[in-house]
């Protein structure tokens, strides 16, 4: 595959805020009194081209020096199933749930957000080597991990976790909702209840025909988390997991499994099992806002230790030491719940 590539950006604004750029040029932004949307395309030899995206710009984008970048990854039903995201982002901005940032929604089709085994589509490489560089040169966004985060639903949650766990030094946080992951370390152990919506032919398009088990494992978030546990924890990557207890696709099995893997390997994260939550439907948009609130608090804001608890923590840690409990010890593995 050629190393050279074309990049083409076509821009349409909903509020007439951006000037149409020349090829390869940066955009000129006029004064903005409301949020706006920019349609763009990026040509690549790595994936079906061109790749279309929508960039959502916050109020007063023109006055900003450097904003965070939030990549929003859609699920397996594509952009059509992600129709709620723009309204959700706008509501989150207005309420303060989401800090001012540039939110980019990329259209990848049913890509799994990964490099396919046969090399025909390389979405992971595209995101890490081309898309991020393009967005950072086009919009007023930072390049540091603390200025870059992922949020995704279903296939997008799976893809977001995979990218964040593989590149924890490149992302400050990931919020994964209804992540479509399997509750196992072994491909052969996948239960049909967790994969009935993915026919064998689809899995073979991603992982080889027949499925290359080693390749599946190398792209399985639980495997990656174990292999990169120290690197993930030391990076400060902020991880948010959300799943509904009424998920029609049974993805609560896989998300609960991943929660326990992270717990057992000492990887900090926040986990929510949402009462009455389903894979789609009315509960999803407000849960997205919960994820955005997490990213705003944990990634896009300056973290400060709760000074009101310093003395109390010192007192409790001394009690632990007196009792022979190591205050710095990792969590114990969760016990088997079957009597």
C-alpha atoms as a PDB file:
ATOM      1  CA  UNK A   1       0.000   0.000   0.000  1.00  0.00           C
ATOM      2  CA  UNK A   2       1.353   3.390  -0.888  1.00  0.00           C
ATOM      3  CA  UNK A   3       2.586   5.628   1.893  1.00  0.00           C
ATOM      4  CA  UNK A   4       1.427   8.742   0.134  1.00  0.00           C
ATOM      5  CA  UNK A   5      -2.189   9.781   0.440  1.00  0.00           C
ATOM      6  CA  UNK A   6      -4.602  12.488  -0.589  1.00  0.00           C
ATOM      7  CA  UNK A   7      -6.557  14.465   1.923  1.00  0.00           C
ATOM      8  CA  UNK A   8      -9.637  16.294   0.747  1.00  0.00           C
ATOM      9  CA  UNK A   9     -11.858  18.391   2.924  1.00  0.00           C
ATOM     10  CA  UNK A  10     -15.240  19.546   1.753  1.00  0.00           C
ATOM     11  CA  UNK A  11     -17.017  21.808   4.185  1.00  0.00           C
ATOM     12  CA  UNK A  12     -20.666  22.737   4.542  1.00  0.00           C
ATOM     13  CA  UNK A  13     -21.807  24.726   7.567  1.00  0.00           C
ATOM     14  CA  UNK A  14     -25.280  24.926   8.984  1.00  0.00           C
ATOM     15  CA  UNK A  15     -24.856  28.460  10.260  1.00  0.00           C
ATOM     16  CA  UNK A  16     -22.577  29.936   7.634  1.00  0.00           C
ATOM     17  CA  UNK A  17     -19.752  30.182  10.144  1.00  0.00           C
ATOM     18  CA  UNK A  18     -16.861  28.675   8.216  1.00  0.00           C
ATOM     19  CA  UNK A  19     -15.263  29.876   5.016  1.00  0.00           C
ATOM     20  CA  UNK A  20     -14.816  27.209   2.344  1.00  0.00           C
ATOM     21  CA  UNK A  21     -11.085  26.264   2.439  1.00  0.00           C
ATOM     22  CA  UNK A  22      -8.760  25.646  -0.422  1.00  0.00           C
ATOM     23  CA  UNK A  23      -7.452  22.102  -0.717  1.00  0.00           C
ATOM     24  CA  UNK A  24      -4.977  21.404   2.073  1.00  0.00           C
ATOM     25  CA  UNK A  25      -5.584  24.736   3.785  1.00  0.00           C
ATOM     26  CA  UNK A  26      -6.816  25.425   7.286  1.00  0.00           C
ATOM     27  CA  UNK A  27     -10.272  26.794   7.861  1.00  0.00           C
ATOM     28  CA  UNK A  28     -11.162  30.378   8.640  1.00  0.00           C
ATOM     29  CA  UNK A  29     -13.786  30.743  11.328  1.00  0.00           C
ATOM     30  CA  UNK A  30     -15.937  33.823  11.845  1.00  0.00           C
ATOM     31  CA  UNK A  31     -17.453  34.910  15.132  1.00  0.00           C
ATOM     32  CA  UNK A  32     -19.812  32.250  16.498  1.00  0.00           C
ATOM     33  CA  UNK A  33     -22.680  32.966  18.874  1.00  0.00           C
ATOM     34  CA  UNK A  34     -24.094  29.438  18.682  1.00  0.00           C
ATOM     35  CA  UNK A  35     -22.768  25.948  18.166  1.00  0.00           C
ATOM     36  CA  UNK A  36     -22.347  24.775  14.573  1.00  0.00           C
ATOM     37  CA  UNK A  37     -21.695  21.685  12.500  1.00  0.00           C
ATOM     38  CA  UNK A  38     -19.100  21.139   9.789  1.00  0.00           C
ATOM     39  CA  UNK A  39     -19.283  18.370   7.208  1.00  0.00           C
ATOM     40  CA  UNK A  40     -15.943  17.021   6.045  1.00  0.00           C
ATOM     41  CA  UNK A  41     -14.355  14.221   4.037  1.00  0.00           C
ATOM     42  CA  UNK A  42     -10.949  12.603   4.308  1.00  0.00           C
ATOM     43  CA  UNK A  43      -9.479  10.501   1.509  1.00  0.00           C
ATOM     44  CA  UNK A  44      -7.297   7.530   2.409  1.00  0.00           C
ATOM     45  CA  UNK A  45      -5.801   4.376   0.949  1.00  0.00           C
ATOM     46  CA  UNK A  46      -6.334   2.536   4.245  1.00  0.00           C
ATOM     47  CA  UNK A  47     -10.143   2.340   4.209  1.00  0.00           C
ATOM     48  CA  UNK A  48     -13.025   2.806   1.747  1.00  0.00           C
ATOM     49  CA  UNK A  49     -12.639   6.390   0.676  1.00  0.00           C
ATOM     50  CA  UNK A  50     -13.539   9.137   1.172  1.00  0.00           C
ATOM     51  CA  UNK A  51     -14.478   8.914   4.837  1.00  0.00           C
ATOM     52  CA  UNK A  52     -17.178  11.409   5.773  1.00  0.00           C
ATOM     53  CA  UNK A  53     -17.473  13.022   9.172  1.00  0.00           C
ATOM     54  CA  UNK A  54     -19.366  15.710  11.040  1.00  0.00           C
ATOM     55  CA  UNK A  55     -17.513  18.046  13.390  1.00  0.00           C
ATOM     56  CA  UNK A  56     -19.609  19.798  16.024  1.00  0.00           C
ATOM     57  CA  UNK A  57     -18.154  23.111  17.193  1.00  0.00           C
ATOM     58  CA  UNK A  58     -19.153  24.694  20.521  1.00  0.00           C
ATOM     59  CA  UNK A  59     -20.272  28.257  21.111  1.00  0.00           C
ATOM     60  CA  UNK A  60     -17.394  30.759  20.834  1.00  0.00           C
ATOM     61  CA  UNK A  61     -15.232  28.277  18.948  1.00  0.00           C
ATOM     62  CA  UNK A  62     -13.522  31.225  17.249  1.00  0.00           C
ATOM     63  CA  UNK A  63     -12.347  32.593  20.608  1.00  0.00           C
ATOM     64  CA  UNK A  64     -10.854  29.303  21.778  1.00  0.00           C
ATOM     65  CA  UNK A  65      -7.127  28.680  21.788  1.00  0.00           C
ATOM     66  CA  UNK A  66      -7.102  24.895  22.188  1.00  0.00           C
ATOM     67  CA  UNK A  67     -10.136  22.716  22.809  1.00  0.00           C
ATOM     68  CA  UNK A  68     -10.448  19.020  23.674  1.00  0.00           C
ATOM     69  CA  UNK A  69     -11.308  16.585  20.882  1.00  0.00           C
ATOM     70  CA  UNK A  70     -14.016  13.982  21.449  1.00  0.00           C
ATOM     71  CA  UNK A  71     -14.348  11.212  18.861  1.00  0.00           C
ATOM     72  CA  UNK A  72     -17.870   9.749  18.839  1.00  0.00           C
ATOM     73  CA  UNK A  73     -17.903   6.213  17.402  1.00  0.00           C
ATOM     74  CA  UNK A  74     -21.194   4.838  16.096  1.00  0.00           C
ATOM     75  CA  UNK A  75     -22.429   1.273  16.429  1.00  0.00           C
ATOM     76  CA  UNK A  76     -22.900  -1.504  13.903  1.00  0.00           C
ATOM     77  CA  UNK A  77     -26.074   0.067  12.539  1.00  0.00           C
ATOM     78  CA  UNK A  78     -23.985   2.983  11.270  1.00  0.00           C
ATOM     79  CA  UNK A  79     -24.706   6.675  11.244  1.00  0.00           C
ATOM     80  CA  UNK A  80     -28.447   5.997  10.899  1.00  0.00           C
ATOM     81  CA  UNK A  81     -28.479   4.451  14.381  1.00  0.00           C
ATOM     82  CA  UNK A  82     -26.499   7.383  15.767  1.00  0.00           C
ATOM     83  CA  UNK A  83     -29.092  10.010  14.875  1.00  0.00           C
ATOM     84  CA  UNK A  84     -29.552  11.065  18.500  1.00  0.00           C
ATOM     85  CA  UNK A  85     -25.950  12.134  19.028  1.00  0.00           C
ATOM     86  CA  UNK A  86     -26.109  15.726  17.750  1.00  0.00           C
ATOM     87  CA  UNK A  87     -29.089  16.669  19.918  1.00  0.00           C
ATOM     88  CA  UNK A  88     -27.481  14.913  22.880  1.00  0.00           C
ATOM     89  CA  UNK A  89     -24.220  16.830  22.465  1.00  0.00           C
ATOM     90  CA  UNK A  90     -26.069  20.155  22.181  1.00  0.00           C
ATOM     91  CA  UNK A  91     -28.095  19.433  25.328  1.00  0.00           C
ATOM     92  CA  UNK A  92     -24.944  18.375  27.185  1.00  0.00           C
ATOM     93  CA  UNK A  93     -23.183  21.604  26.209  1.00  0.00           C
ATOM     94  CA  UNK A  94     -26.118  23.707  27.313  1.00  0.00           C
ATOM     95  CA  UNK A  95     -26.371  21.978  30.692  1.00  0.00           C
ATOM     96  CA  UNK A  96     -22.633  21.919  31.309  1.00  0.00           C
ATOM     97  CA  UNK A  97     -22.515  18.113  31.268  1.00  0.00           C
ATOM     98  CA  UNK A  98     -19.994  18.336  28.420  1.00  0.00           C
ATOM     99  CA  UNK A  99     -17.170  20.857  28.444  1.00  0.00           C
ATOM    100  CA  UNK A 100     -16.655  22.978  25.309  1.00  0.00           C
ATOM    101  CA  UNK A 101     -14.889  20.689  22.853  1.00  0.00           C
ATOM    102  CA  UNK A 102     -14.903  19.643  19.222  1.00  0.00           C
ATOM    103  CA  UNK A 103     -17.028  16.508  18.797  1.00  0.00           C
ATOM    104  CA  UNK A 104     -16.320  14.524  15.626  1.00  0.00           C
ATOM    105  CA  UNK A 105     -18.697  11.839  14.370  1.00  0.00           C
ATOM    106  CA  UNK A 106     -17.001   9.591  11.797  1.00  0.00           C
ATOM    107  CA  UNK A 107     -18.871   7.333   9.375  1.00  0.00           C
ATOM    108  CA  UNK A 108     -17.108   3.964   9.172  1.00  0.00           C
ATOM    109  CA  UNK A 109     -19.934   1.593   8.285  1.00  0.00           C
ATOM    110  CA  UNK A 110     -19.837  -1.813   9.979  1.00  0.00           C
ATOM    111  CA  UNK A 111     -16.076  -1.625  10.381  1.00  0.00           C
ATOM    112  CA  UNK A 112     -15.576  -2.928  13.938  1.00  0.00           C
ATOM    113  CA  UNK A 113     -13.221   0.093  14.160  1.00  0.00           C
ATOM    114  CA  UNK A 114     -10.283  -2.264  13.629  1.00  0.00           C
ATOM    115  CA  UNK A 115      -7.714  -3.382  11.078  1.00  0.00           C
ATOM    116  CA  UNK A 116      -9.225  -6.326   9.225  1.00  0.00           C
ATOM    117  CA  UNK A 117      -7.136  -9.496   9.113  1.00  0.00           C
ATOM    118  CA  UNK A 118      -6.998  -9.569   5.310  1.00  0.00           C
ATOM    119  CA  UNK A 119      -5.709  -5.984   5.171  1.00  0.00           C
ATOM    120  CA  UNK A 120      -8.583  -4.758   3.023  1.00  0.00           C
ATOM    121  CA  UNK A 121      -9.659  -2.181   5.632  1.00  0.00           C
ATOM    122  CA  UNK A 122      -7.428  -0.701   8.311  1.00  0.00           C
ATOM    123  CA  UNK A 123      -9.633   1.431  10.542  1.00  0.00           C
ATOM    124  CA  UNK A 124      -7.394   1.363  13.601  1.00  0.00           C
ATOM    125  CA  UNK A 125      -4.428   2.535  11.542  1.00  0.00           C
ATOM    126  CA  UNK A 126      -6.601   5.131   9.812  1.00  0.00           C
ATOM    127  CA  UNK A 127      -7.759   6.623  13.109  1.00  0.00           C
ATOM    128  CA  UNK A 128      -4.332   6.653  14.747  1.00  0.00           C
ATOM    129  CA  UNK A 129      -2.184   7.712  11.778  1.00  0.00           C
ATOM    130  CA  UNK A 130      -4.446   9.812   9.575  1.00  0.00           C
ATOM    131  CA  UNK A 131      -7.707  10.906  11.172  1.00  0.00           C
ATOM    132  CA  UNK A 132      -6.277  12.329  14.404  1.00  0.00           C
ATOM    133  CA  UNK A 133      -3.543  14.197  12.543  1.00  0.00           C
ATOM    134  CA  UNK A 134      -6.085  15.596  10.083  1.00  0.00           C
ATOM    135  CA  UNK A 135      -8.495  16.764  12.784  1.00  0.00           C
ATOM    136  CA  UNK A 136      -5.708  18.335  14.832  1.00  0.00           C
ATOM    137  CA  UNK A 137      -4.460  20.299  11.846  1.00  0.00           C
ATOM    138  CA  UNK A 138      -7.963  21.331  10.777  1.00  0.00           C
ATOM    139  CA  UNK A 139      -9.612  22.304  14.064  1.00  0.00           C
ATOM    140  CA  UNK A 140      -8.500  24.107  17.211  1.00  0.00           C
ATOM    141  CA  UNK A 141      -7.929  20.972  19.266  1.00  0.00           C
ATOM    142  CA  UNK A 142      -5.060  19.832  21.434  1.00  0.00           C
ATOM    143  CA  UNK A 143      -2.675  16.993  20.696  1.00  0.00           C
ATOM    144  CA  UNK A 144      -2.163  15.688  24.218  1.00  0.00           C
ATOM    145  CA  UNK A 145      -3.945  12.689  25.716  1.00  0.00           C
ATOM    146  CA  UNK A 146      -5.745  14.946  28.192  1.00  0.00           C
ATOM    147  CA  UNK A 147      -7.217  16.780  25.227  1.00  0.00           C
ATOM    148  CA  UNK A 148      -8.366  13.620  23.404  1.00  0.00           C
ATOM    149  CA  UNK A 149     -11.139  11.206  24.348  1.00  0.00           C
ATOM    150  CA  UNK A 150     -13.452   8.580  22.871  1.00  0.00           C
ATOM    151  CA  UNK A 151     -17.125   7.847  23.368  1.00  0.00           C
ATOM    152  CA  UNK A 152     -18.972   5.043  21.625  1.00  0.00           C
ATOM    153  CA  UNK A 153     -22.046   2.844  21.628  1.00  0.00           C
ATOM    154  CA  UNK A 154     -22.257  -0.900  20.906  1.00  0.00           C
ATOM    155  CA  UNK A 155     -19.679  -1.541  18.136  1.00  0.00           C
ATOM    156  CA  UNK A 156     -18.414   1.980  18.856  1.00  0.00           C
ATOM    157  CA  UNK A 157     -17.995   1.121  22.534  1.00  0.00           C
ATOM    158  CA  UNK A 158     -16.042  -1.987  21.549  1.00  0.00           C
ATOM    159  CA  UNK A 159     -13.891   0.043  19.157  1.00  0.00           C
ATOM    160  CA  UNK A 160     -13.334   2.815  21.670  1.00  0.00           C
ATOM    161  CA  UNK A 161     -12.159   0.384  24.340  1.00  0.00           C
ATOM    162  CA  UNK A 162      -9.856  -1.380  21.898  1.00  0.00           C
ATOM    163  CA  UNK A 163      -8.241   1.873  20.759  1.00  0.00           C
ATOM    164  CA  UNK A 164      -7.928   3.290  24.281  1.00  0.00           C
ATOM    165  CA  UNK A 165      -6.458   0.082  25.716  1.00  0.00           C
ATOM    166  CA  UNK A 166      -3.965  -0.264  22.859  1.00  0.00           C
ATOM    167  CA  UNK A 167      -2.948   3.405  22.949  1.00  0.00           C
ATOM    168  CA  UNK A 168      -3.496   4.612  26.537  1.00  0.00           C
ATOM    169  CA  UNK A 169      -0.838   7.283  26.094  1.00  0.00           C
ATOM    170  CA  UNK A 170      -2.810   8.815  23.207  1.00  0.00           C
ATOM    171  CA  UNK A 171      -6.225   9.125  24.876  1.00  0.00           C
ATOM    172  CA  UNK A 172      -7.185  10.674  28.177  1.00  0.00           C
ATOM    173  CA  UNK A 173     -10.411   8.750  28.517  1.00  0.00           C
ATOM    174  CA  UNK A 174     -12.991   6.457  26.965  1.00  0.00           C
ATOM    175  CA  UNK A 175     -16.709   6.153  27.663  1.00  0.00           C
ATOM    176  CA  UNK A 176     -18.164   2.897  26.339  1.00  0.00           C
ATOM    177  CA  UNK A 177     -21.921   2.357  26.390  1.00  0.00           C
ATOM    178  CA  UNK A 178     -23.457  -1.039  25.634  1.00  0.00           C
ATOM    179  CA  UNK A 179     -20.056  -2.209  24.354  1.00  0.00           C
ATOM    180  CA  UNK A 180     -20.612  -5.301  22.200  1.00  0.00           C
ATOM    181  CA  UNK A 181     -17.911  -7.488  23.718  1.00  0.00           C
ATOM    182  CA  UNK A 182     -17.946 -11.188  24.583  1.00  0.00           C
ATOM    183  CA  UNK A 183     -17.556 -12.417  28.194  1.00  0.00           C
ATOM    184  CA  UNK A 184     -14.569 -14.676  27.584  1.00  0.00           C
ATOM    185  CA  UNK A 185     -10.862 -14.830  26.843  1.00  0.00           C
ATOM    186  CA  UNK A 186     -11.280 -17.719  24.387  1.00  0.00           C
ATOM    187  CA  UNK A 187     -12.971 -17.417  20.996  1.00  0.00           C
ATOM    188  CA  UNK A 188     -14.111 -21.045  21.135  1.00  0.00           C
ATOM    189  CA  UNK A 189     -15.899 -20.338  24.424  1.00  0.00           C
ATOM    190  CA  UNK A 190     -18.176 -17.616  23.022  1.00  0.00           C
ATOM    191  CA  UNK A 191     -21.774 -18.491  23.825  1.00  0.00           C
ATOM    192  CA  UNK A 192     -24.318 -18.075  21.045  1.00  0.00           C
ATOM    193  CA  UNK A 193     -26.348 -15.773  23.336  1.00  0.00           C
ATOM    194  CA  UNK A 194     -23.516 -13.248  23.044  1.00  0.00           C
ATOM    195  CA  UNK A 195     -22.893 -13.555  19.307  1.00  0.00           C
ATOM    196  CA  UNK A 196     -26.210 -14.478  17.676  1.00  0.00           C
ATOM    197  CA  UNK A 197     -26.303 -11.076  15.948  1.00  0.00           C
ATOM    198  CA  UNK A 198     -22.892 -11.624  14.331  1.00  0.00           C
ATOM    199  CA  UNK A 199     -22.979 -14.395  11.706  1.00  0.00           C
ATOM    200  CA  UNK A 200     -19.837 -16.371  11.043  1.00  0.00           C
ATOM    201  CA  UNK A 201     -19.343 -14.700   7.655  1.00  0.00           C
ATOM    202  CA  UNK A 202     -19.250 -11.286   9.352  1.00  0.00           C
ATOM    203  CA  UNK A 203     -16.686 -12.403  11.942  1.00  0.00           C
ATOM    204  CA  UNK A 204     -14.559 -13.922   9.179  1.00  0.00           C
ATOM    205  CA  UNK A 205     -14.518 -10.604   7.317  1.00  0.00           C
ATOM    206  CA  UNK A 206     -12.835  -9.050  10.350  1.00  0.00           C
ATOM    207  CA  UNK A 207     -10.725 -11.865  11.744  1.00  0.00           C
ATOM    208  CA  UNK A 208      -9.918 -14.072   8.732  1.00  0.00           C
ATOM    209  CA  UNK A 209     -11.476 -17.141   7.149  1.00  0.00           C
ATOM    210  CA  UNK A 210     -11.556 -19.256   9.189  1.00  0.00           C
ATOM    211  CA  UNK A 211     -11.354 -16.923  12.184  1.00  0.00           C
ATOM    212  CA  UNK A 212      -7.742 -16.480  13.279  1.00  0.00           C
ATOM    213  CA  UNK A 213      -8.100 -17.074  17.017  1.00  0.00           C
ATOM    214  CA  UNK A 214      -4.811 -15.355  17.866  1.00  0.00           C
ATOM    215  CA  UNK A 215      -5.909 -12.292  15.876  1.00  0.00           C
ATOM    216  CA  UNK A 216      -9.265 -12.243  17.665  1.00  0.00           C
ATOM    217  CA  UNK A 217      -7.484 -12.412  21.018  1.00  0.00           C
ATOM    218  CA  UNK A 218      -5.105  -9.601  20.025  1.00  0.00           C
ATOM    219  CA  UNK A 219      -8.141  -7.383  19.364  1.00  0.00           C
ATOM    220  CA  UNK A 220     -10.271  -8.468  22.317  1.00  0.00           C
ATOM    221  CA  UNK A 221     -10.513  -5.646  24.918  1.00  0.00           C
ATOM    222  CA  UNK A 222     -10.224  -8.041  27.872  1.00  0.00           C
ATOM    223  CA  UNK A 223      -7.033  -9.583  26.454  1.00  0.00           C
ATOM    224  CA  UNK A 224      -5.597  -6.143  25.699  1.00  0.00           C
ATOM    225  CA  UNK A 225      -6.438  -4.895  29.194  1.00  0.00           C
ATOM    226  CA  UNK A 226      -4.583  -7.788  30.835  1.00  0.00           C
ATOM    227  CA  UNK A 227      -1.585  -7.493  28.501  1.00  0.00           C
ATOM    228  CA  UNK A 228      -1.351  -3.701  28.990  1.00  0.00           C
ATOM    229  CA  UNK A 229      -2.603  -3.487  32.592  1.00  0.00           C
ATOM    230  CA  UNK A 230       0.381  -1.615  34.047  1.00  0.00           C
ATOM    231  CA  UNK A 231       0.642   0.677  31.036  1.00  0.00           C
ATOM    232  CA  UNK A 232      -3.071   1.507  31.143  1.00  0.00           C
ATOM    233  CA  UNK A 233      -3.064   2.181  34.888  1.00  0.00           C
ATOM    234  CA  UNK A 234       0.131   4.231  34.801  1.00  0.00           C
ATOM    235  CA  UNK A 235      -1.120   6.322  31.881  1.00  0.00           C
ATOM    236  CA  UNK A 236      -4.029   7.681  33.899  1.00  0.00           C
ATOM    237  CA  UNK A 237      -6.527   6.596  31.225  1.00  0.00           C
ATOM    238  CA  UNK A 238     -10.049   7.278  32.505  1.00  0.00           C
ATOM    239  CA  UNK A 239     -12.462   4.441  31.720  1.00  0.00           C
ATOM    240  CA  UNK A 240     -16.255   4.529  31.882  1.00  0.00           C
ATOM    241  CA  UNK A 241     -18.395   1.428  31.301  1.00  0.00           C
ATOM    242  CA  UNK A 242     -22.184   1.556  31.004  1.00  0.00           C
ATOM    243  CA  UNK A 243     -24.662  -1.181  30.147  1.00  0.00           C
ATOM    244  CA  UNK A 244     -28.377  -1.680  30.639  1.00  0.00           C
ATOM    245  CA  UNK A 245     -29.686  -4.670  32.589  1.00  0.00           C
ATOM    246  CA  UNK A 246     -32.360  -5.152  29.909  1.00  0.00           C
ATOM    247  CA  UNK A 247     -30.005  -5.088  26.928  1.00  0.00           C
ATOM    248  CA  UNK A 248     -31.727  -7.047  24.175  1.00  0.00           C
ATOM    249  CA  UNK A 249     -28.358  -8.237  22.814  1.00  0.00           C
ATOM    250  CA  UNK A 250     -27.190  -9.504  26.233  1.00  0.00           C
ATOM    251  CA  UNK A 251     -24.124  -7.261  26.143  1.00  0.00           C
ATOM    252  CA  UNK A 252     -24.347  -6.928  29.931  1.00  0.00           C
ATOM    253  CA  UNK A 253     -22.586 -10.312  30.060  1.00  0.00           C
ATOM    254  CA  UNK A 254     -19.501  -8.971  28.283  1.00  0.00           C
ATOM    255  CA  UNK A 255     -19.429  -5.586  30.005  1.00  0.00           C
ATOM    256  CA  UNK A 256     -19.764  -7.182  33.449  1.00  0.00           C
ATOM    257  CA  UNK A 257     -16.951  -9.577  32.504  1.00  0.00           C
ATOM    258  CA  UNK A 258     -14.716  -6.686  31.430  1.00  0.00           C
ATOM    259  CA  UNK A 259     -15.529  -4.812  34.651  1.00  0.00           C
ATOM    260  CA  UNK A 260     -14.325  -7.803  36.649  1.00  0.00           C
ATOM    261  CA  UNK A 261     -11.191  -8.137  34.516  1.00  0.00           C
ATOM    262  CA  UNK A 262     -10.352  -4.484  35.125  1.00  0.00           C
ATOM    263  CA  UNK A 263     -11.117  -4.843  38.827  1.00  0.00           C
ATOM    264  CA  UNK A 264      -8.980  -7.963  39.249  1.00  0.00           C
ATOM    265  CA  UNK A 265      -6.020  -6.358  37.448  1.00  0.00           C
ATOM    266  CA  UNK A 266      -6.110  -3.115  39.381  1.00  0.00           C
ATOM    267  CA  UNK A 267      -7.231  -0.892  36.499  1.00  0.00           C
ATOM    268  CA  UNK A 268      -9.240   2.077  37.756  1.00  0.00           C
ATOM    269  CA  UNK A 269     -12.602   2.604  36.068  1.00  0.00           C
ATOM    270  CA  UNK A 270     -16.223   3.557  36.635  1.00  0.00           C
ATOM    271  CA  UNK A 271     -18.919   0.978  35.933  1.00  0.00           C
ATOM    272  CA  UNK A 272     -22.684   1.413  35.754  1.00  0.00           C
ATOM    273  CA  UNK A 273     -25.296  -1.294  35.333  1.00  0.00           C
ATOM    274  CA  UNK A 274     -28.365   0.771  34.455  1.00  0.00           C
ATOM    275  CA  UNK A 275     -31.683  -0.458  35.804  1.00  0.00           C
ATOM    276  CA  UNK A 276     -34.147  -0.814  32.924  1.00  0.00           C
ATOM    277  CA  UNK A 277     -31.595   0.205  30.290  1.00  0.00           C
ATOM    278  CA  UNK A 278     -31.783  -1.390  26.848  1.00  0.00           C
ATOM    279  CA  UNK A 279     -29.349  -1.474  23.920  1.00  0.00           C
ATOM    280  CA  UNK A 280     -31.332   1.204  22.084  1.00  0.00           C
ATOM    281  CA  UNK A 281     -34.199   3.455  23.018  1.00  0.00           C
ATOM    282  CA  UNK A 282     -35.090   6.284  25.359  1.00  0.00           C
ATOM    283  CA  UNK A 283     -32.528   5.474  28.057  1.00  0.00           C
ATOM    284  CA  UNK A 284     -29.512   5.810  25.747  1.00  0.00           C
ATOM    285  CA  UNK A 285     -29.268   9.614  25.170  1.00  0.00           C
ATOM    286  CA  UNK A 286     -29.312  10.530  28.893  1.00  0.00           C
ATOM    287  CA  UNK A 287     -26.764   7.797  29.553  1.00  0.00           C
ATOM    288  CA  UNK A 288     -24.565   9.329  26.855  1.00  0.00           C
ATOM    289  CA  UNK A 289     -24.758  12.565  28.821  1.00  0.00           C
ATOM    290  CA  UNK A 290     -23.653  10.667  31.923  1.00  0.00           C
ATOM    291  CA  UNK A 291     -20.645   9.445  29.946  1.00  0.00           C
ATOM    292  CA  UNK A 292     -19.927  12.974  28.747  1.00  0.00           C
ATOM    293  CA  UNK A 293     -20.169  14.249  32.309  1.00  0.00           C
ATOM    294  CA  UNK A 294     -17.609  11.619  33.335  1.00  0.00           C
ATOM    295  CA  UNK A 295     -15.192  12.655  30.566  1.00  0.00           C
ATOM    296  CA  UNK A 296     -15.637  16.332  31.425  1.00  0.00           C
ATOM    297  CA  UNK A 297     -14.933  15.672  35.107  1.00  0.00           C
ATOM    298  CA  UNK A 298     -12.141  13.134  34.752  1.00  0.00           C
ATOM    299  CA  UNK A 299     -10.386  14.130  31.523  1.00  0.00           C
ATOM    300  CA  UNK A 300     -11.182  17.660  30.365  1.00  0.00           C
ATOM    301  CA  UNK A 301     -11.055  19.305  33.820  1.00  0.00           C
ATOM    302  CA  UNK A 302      -8.169  19.824  36.234  1.00  0.00           C
ATOM    303  CA  UNK A 303      -8.322  17.072  38.835  1.00  0.00           C
ATOM    304  CA  UNK A 304      -7.944  18.101  42.455  1.00  0.00           C
ATOM    305  CA  UNK A 305      -7.741  15.799  45.430  1.00  0.00           C
ATOM    306  CA  UNK A 306     -10.522  16.186  47.964  1.00  0.00           C
ATOM    307  CA  UNK A 307      -8.608  18.064  50.668  1.00  0.00           C
ATOM    308  CA  UNK A 308     -11.462  17.582  53.133  1.00  0.00           C
ATOM    309  CA  UNK A 309     -10.618  13.872  53.311  1.00  0.00           C
ATOM    310  CA  UNK A 310      -6.821  14.009  53.661  1.00  0.00           C
ATOM    311  CA  UNK A 311      -6.837  13.780  57.451  1.00  0.00           C
ATOM    312  CA  UNK A 312      -9.528  11.110  57.406  1.00  0.00           C
ATOM    313  CA  UNK A 313      -7.631   8.993  54.880  1.00  0.00           C
ATOM    314  CA  UNK A 314      -4.461   9.273  56.937  1.00  0.00           C
ATOM    315  CA  UNK A 315      -6.360   8.118  60.025  1.00  0.00           C
ATOM    316  CA  UNK A 316      -7.954   5.155  58.229  1.00  0.00           C
ATOM    317  CA  UNK A 317      -4.661   4.169  56.573  1.00  0.00           C
ATOM    318  CA  UNK A 318      -3.025   4.096  59.994  1.00  0.00           C
ATOM    319  CA  UNK A 319      -5.807   1.794  61.204  1.00  0.00           C
ATOM    320  CA  UNK A 320      -5.124  -0.472  58.209  1.00  0.00           C
ATOM    321  CA  UNK A 321      -1.410  -0.625  58.993  1.00  0.00           C
ATOM    322  CA  UNK A 322      -2.120  -1.419  62.647  1.00  0.00           C
ATOM    323  CA  UNK A 323      -4.389  -4.262  61.540  1.00  0.00           C
ATOM    324  CA  UNK A 324      -1.785  -5.561  59.089  1.00  0.00           C
ATOM    325  CA  UNK A 325      -3.614  -4.362  55.955  1.00  0.00           C
ATOM    326  CA  UNK A 326      -1.459  -2.804  53.237  1.00  0.00           C
ATOM    327  CA  UNK A 327      -3.092   0.542  52.274  1.00  0.00           C
ATOM    328  CA  UNK A 328      -1.525   0.337  48.799  1.00  0.00           C
ATOM    329  CA  UNK A 329      -2.521  -3.264  48.074  1.00  0.00           C
ATOM    330  CA  UNK A 330      -4.436  -4.033  44.873  1.00  0.00           C
ATOM    331  CA  UNK A 331      -8.068  -5.023  45.155  1.00  0.00           C
ATOM    332  CA  UNK A 332      -8.819  -8.630  45.901  1.00  0.00           C
ATOM    333  CA  UNK A 333     -10.203 -10.675  43.031  1.00  0.00           C
ATOM    334  CA  UNK A 334     -13.974 -10.954  43.276  1.00  0.00           C
ATOM    335  CA  UNK A 335     -14.992 -14.314  44.743  1.00  0.00           C
ATOM    336  CA  UNK A 336     -17.157 -16.877  43.005  1.00  0.00           C
ATOM    337  CA  UNK A 337     -20.744 -15.992  43.821  1.00  0.00           C
ATOM    338  CA  UNK A 338     -22.070 -19.547  43.482  1.00  0.00           C
ATOM    339  CA  UNK A 339     -22.488 -21.202  46.933  1.00  0.00           C
END
